[in-house]
Amino acid sequence: MFIKDLIDLYSKHANAENATHMKNYMRGQFEFYGIKTKERRTLLKQAIANNKEEVVTNVRELTFQLYDLPQRELHLTANEIFDKQLRKKYLKDDIVLIERLITENSWWDTVDFIAKWVLGNYLTMYPDMVKTTITRFSNVDNIWLNRSTIIFQLGYKHNTDEELLFKQCMAHKESNEFFIQKAIGWALREYGKTSPQSVLNFVNSTSLKPLSHREAIRNII
């Protein structure tokens, strides 16, 4: 069984010292095995190889079974198997599951991965879902859904919907939330690698919070 095998592997490679540092870094919000990313992914490959049919067939169910467990490494694993197994194979109704991934066990490490790799790829598959999804996520009182609407186009480069990116930055530019201000700066900075003048024009004509402004133009001027 995949989850049992995975937990056995993670438990055998647990590192109490690392776990303490990781828990402190994440402000005590989650438990940890203390396994660093490279080693964790190696162990995950082993568990998948031993349970490939189960993972392929039941990835949605396995994802949320992992999400119900306390260790952060299992939440990160859940996101990665969801992305790897379903990329380019999403069902339209998977937006419900994607929203759950963003709003459960929420912190920047999971949300940023989901926003870019899962939500971003899902909306590439279903462009007719962009307007309704981004509008809904943007208007709810949840900073992680809000953040996702700002950063989901990371990596889109020349395919970025510039108007939508700027609209989302405008919609949340007055937020006092650190993770929103940082998201605006990050999204603009990344798009600035593709269209620096557009970003510079937007920043110069928009009253952004100092953090957002500083992050947005850091690589431009």
Protein backbone atom coordinates (compact mmCIF):
# COMPACT_ATOMS: atom_id res chain seq x y z
CA MET A 1 0.00 0.00 0.00
CA PHE A 2 1.46 3.32 -1.12
CA ILE A 3 0.80 5.45 1.96
CA LYS A 4 1.99 2.76 4.36
CA ASP A 5 5.16 2.22 2.34
CA LEU A 6 5.74 5.96 2.13
CA ILE A 7 5.29 6.50 5.86
CA ASP A 8 7.60 3.57 6.60
CA LEU A 9 10.28 5.07 4.39
CA TYR A 10 9.91 8.57 5.79
CA SER A 11 9.92 7.26 9.37
CA LYS A 12 13.11 5.27 8.79
CA HIS A 13 14.85 8.35 7.41
CA ALA A 14 13.52 10.82 9.97
CA ASN A 15 15.98 13.26 11.48
CA ALA A 16 14.92 14.76 14.81
CA GLU A 17 17.39 17.65 14.65
CA ASN A 18 16.25 18.66 11.18
CA ALA A 19 12.63 18.26 12.26
CA THR A 20 13.10 20.74 15.08
CA HIS A 21 14.70 23.32 12.78
CA MET A 22 12.00 22.84 10.14
CA LYS A 23 9.18 23.17 12.65
CA ASN A 24 10.68 26.35 14.07
CA TYR A 25 11.16 27.78 10.57
CA MET A 26 7.48 27.18 9.86
CA ARG A 27 6.52 28.87 13.12
CA GLY A 28 5.49 25.63 14.78
CA GLN A 29 2.51 25.11 12.50
CA PHE A 30 3.33 21.59 11.31
CA GLU A 31 5.05 18.43 12.42
CA PHE A 32 8.06 17.19 10.44
CA TYR A 33 10.00 14.02 9.84
CA GLY A 34 13.03 16.21 9.23
CA ILE A 35 13.69 14.98 5.68
CA LYS A 36 15.16 17.46 3.24
CA THR A 37 13.63 17.89 -0.21
CA LYS A 38 16.15 15.97 -2.30
CA GLU A 39 16.08 12.92 -0.04
CA ARG A 40 12.30 13.09 0.32
CA ARG A 41 11.82 13.01 -3.43
CA THR A 42 14.17 10.05 -3.76
CA LEU A 43 12.14 8.16 -1.17
CA LEU A 44 8.91 9.18 -2.89
CA LYS A 45 10.12 7.76 -6.21
CA GLN A 46 10.83 4.48 -4.46
CA ALA A 47 7.35 4.34 -2.90
CA ILE A 48 5.70 5.16 -6.22
CA ALA A 49 7.75 2.54 -8.07
CA ASN A 50 6.52 -0.09 -5.62
CA ASN A 51 2.88 1.03 -5.89
CA LYS A 52 2.63 2.54 -9.35
CA GLU A 53 -0.80 1.22 -10.31
CA GLU A 54 -2.35 2.36 -7.03
CA VAL A 55 -0.91 5.86 -7.37
CA VAL A 56 -1.98 6.27 -10.99
CA THR A 57 -5.48 4.97 -10.33
CA ASN A 58 -6.20 6.66 -7.01
CA VAL A 59 -4.10 9.83 -7.01
CA ARG A 60 -6.96 12.14 -6.00
CA GLU A 61 -7.94 10.01 -3.00
CA LEU A 62 -4.31 9.47 -1.98
CA THR A 63 -3.62 13.20 -2.14
CA PHE A 64 -6.19 14.02 0.50
CA GLN A 65 -5.38 11.01 2.64
CA LEU A 66 -1.87 12.44 2.83
CA TYR A 67 -3.28 15.90 3.55
CA ASP A 68 -5.10 14.50 6.59
CA LEU A 69 -1.81 13.43 8.20
CA PRO A 70 0.22 15.83 10.36
CA GLN A 71 3.72 15.76 8.85
CA ARG A 72 4.53 18.55 6.45
CA GLU A 73 6.57 16.29 4.19
CA LEU A 74 3.35 14.35 3.48
CA HIS A 75 1.52 17.53 2.47
CA LEU A 76 4.34 18.44 0.10
CA THR A 77 4.31 14.91 -1.27
CA ALA A 78 0.55 15.14 -1.83
CA ASN A 79 0.99 18.27 -3.95
CA GLU A 80 3.76 16.71 -5.99
CA ILE A 81 1.94 13.48 -6.82
CA PHE A 82 -1.21 15.44 -7.69
CA ASP A 83 0.79 17.60 -10.10
CA LYS A 84 2.86 14.79 -11.61
CA GLN A 85 0.02 12.32 -12.13
CA LEU A 86 -2.62 14.78 -13.35
CA ARG A 87 -0.70 17.38 -15.33
CA LYS A 88 -2.38 17.71 -18.75
CA LYS A 89 -5.00 15.21 -17.55
CA TYR A 90 -7.08 17.37 -15.23
CA LEU A 91 -10.83 17.03 -15.21
CA LYS A 92 -12.78 20.26 -15.19
CA ASP A 93 -14.20 19.45 -11.77
CA ASP A 94 -10.68 19.20 -10.34
CA ILE A 95 -10.88 22.93 -9.61
CA VAL A 96 -12.80 21.92 -6.47
CA LEU A 97 -9.85 19.78 -5.35
CA ILE A 98 -7.35 22.48 -6.28
CA GLU A 99 -9.21 24.94 -4.08
CA ARG A 100 -9.02 22.45 -1.21
CA LEU A 101 -5.27 22.04 -1.74
CA ILE A 102 -4.87 25.81 -1.44
CA THR A 103 -7.12 26.31 1.58
CA GLU A 104 -6.16 23.29 3.71
CA ASN A 105 -2.80 23.11 5.53
CA SER A 106 -2.12 26.51 4.01
CA TRP A 107 1.27 28.16 4.11
CA TRP A 108 3.53 29.66 1.49
CA ASP A 109 5.44 26.45 0.71
CA THR A 110 2.39 24.48 -0.41
CA VAL A 111 0.37 27.38 -1.80
CA ASP A 112 3.14 28.66 -4.06
CA PHE A 113 3.68 25.21 -5.55
CA ILE A 114 -0.04 24.66 -6.10
CA ALA A 115 -0.65 28.13 -7.54
CA LYS A 116 2.14 27.89 -10.11
CA TRP A 117 2.25 24.22 -11.03
CA VAL A 118 -1.29 23.01 -10.40
CA LEU A 119 -3.66 25.97 -10.75
CA GLY A 120 -1.48 27.53 -13.45
CA ASN A 121 -1.47 24.36 -15.54
CA TYR A 122 -5.15 23.63 -14.91
CA LEU A 123 -6.15 27.08 -16.21
CA THR A 124 -3.94 26.57 -19.26
CA MET A 125 -5.96 23.45 -19.99
CA TYR A 126 -9.29 25.17 -19.33
CA PRO A 127 -8.97 28.84 -20.36
CA ASP A 128 -12.74 29.20 -20.17
CA MET A 129 -12.38 28.73 -16.39
CA VAL A 130 -9.91 31.58 -15.89
CA LYS A 131 -12.37 34.45 -15.43
CA THR A 132 -14.76 32.71 -13.05
CA THR A 133 -12.02 31.02 -11.03
CA ILE A 134 -9.78 34.05 -10.61
CA THR A 135 -12.71 36.34 -9.85
CA ARG A 136 -14.01 33.98 -7.17
CA PHE A 137 -10.61 33.29 -5.62
CA SER A 138 -9.82 37.00 -5.65
CA ASN A 139 -13.01 38.09 -3.91
CA VAL A 140 -13.09 35.64 -1.01
CA ASP A 141 -11.66 36.44 2.41
CA ASN A 142 -8.73 34.03 2.17
CA ILE A 143 -5.22 35.36 1.65
CA TRP A 144 -4.00 32.10 0.09
CA LEU A 145 -6.67 32.07 -2.60
CA ASN A 146 -6.00 35.78 -3.12
CA ARG A 147 -2.25 35.14 -3.39
CA SER A 148 -2.87 32.37 -5.90
CA THR A 149 -4.70 34.75 -8.26
CA ILE A 150 -1.63 36.97 -8.34
CA ILE A 151 1.05 34.31 -8.85
CA PHE A 152 -0.64 31.56 -10.87
CA GLN A 153 0.88 32.95 -14.09
CA LEU A 154 4.46 32.57 -12.86
CA GLY A 155 6.28 30.84 -15.67
CA TYR A 156 3.78 31.87 -18.34
CA LYS A 157 6.33 34.37 -19.72
CA HIS A 158 5.08 35.61 -23.13
CA ASN A 159 1.77 33.83 -22.56
CA THR A 160 1.06 35.98 -19.51
CA ASP A 161 -2.27 37.77 -19.58
CA GLU A 162 -0.80 41.14 -18.74
CA GLU A 163 -4.15 42.82 -18.25
CA LEU A 164 -5.23 40.15 -15.77
CA LEU A 165 -1.93 40.26 -13.89
CA PHE A 166 -2.12 44.02 -13.45
CA LYS A 167 -5.81 43.78 -12.53
CA GLN A 168 -5.04 41.33 -9.73
CA CYS A 169 -2.21 43.49 -8.46
CA MET A 170 -4.55 46.48 -8.45
CA ALA A 171 -7.27 44.51 -6.66
CA HIS A 172 -4.99 43.68 -3.73
CA LYS A 173 -2.50 46.53 -3.70
CA GLU A 174 -3.92 48.01 -0.49
CA SER A 175 -3.60 44.76 1.44
CA ASN A 176 -1.57 44.91 4.63
CA GLU A 177 -0.85 41.17 4.45
CA PHE A 178 2.84 40.44 3.97
CA PHE A 179 2.14 37.43 1.75
CA ILE A 180 -0.06 39.51 -0.57
CA GLN A 181 2.39 42.38 -0.84
CA LYS A 182 5.21 39.92 -1.49
CA ALA A 183 3.14 38.10 -4.13
CA ILE A 184 2.50 41.31 -6.04
CA GLY A 185 6.18 42.16 -6.07
CA TRP A 186 7.17 38.63 -7.04
CA ALA A 187 4.65 38.33 -9.88
CA LEU A 188 5.61 41.70 -11.32
CA ARG A 189 9.33 40.98 -10.98
CA GLU A 190 8.98 37.69 -12.83
CA TYR A 191 6.88 39.22 -15.60
CA GLY A 192 9.44 42.00 -15.77
CA LYS A 193 11.91 39.46 -17.15
CA THR A 194 9.62 39.18 -20.17
CA SER A 195 8.23 42.69 -20.43
CA PRO A 196 10.28 45.07 -18.26
CA GLN A 197 8.90 48.28 -19.70
CA SER A 198 5.31 47.22 -19.14
CA VAL A 199 6.06 46.40 -15.52
CA LEU A 200 7.97 49.63 -15.01
CA ASN A 201 5.12 51.65 -16.51
CA PHE A 202 2.62 49.87 -14.27
CA VAL A 203 4.68 50.35 -11.12
CA ASN A 204 5.32 54.03 -11.89
CA SER A 205 1.63 54.69 -12.43
CA THR A 206 0.32 52.66 -9.48
CA SER A 207 0.48 53.36 -5.77
CA LEU A 208 1.84 50.05 -4.47
CA LYS A 209 2.89 49.21 -0.94
CA PRO A 210 6.64 49.78 -0.46
CA LEU A 211 7.41 46.04 -0.28
CA SER A 212 5.51 45.33 -3.51
CA HIS A 213 7.13 48.30 -5.27
CA ARG A 214 10.63 47.37 -4.15
CA GLU A 215 10.30 43.71 -5.12
CA ALA A 216 8.70 44.50 -8.48
CA ILE A 217 11.51 46.65 -9.83
CA ARG A 218 14.46 44.98 -8.09
CA ASN A 219 15.83 43.49 -11.33
CA ILE A 220 14.74 46.27 -13.67
CA ILE A 221 16.51 49.37 -12.35
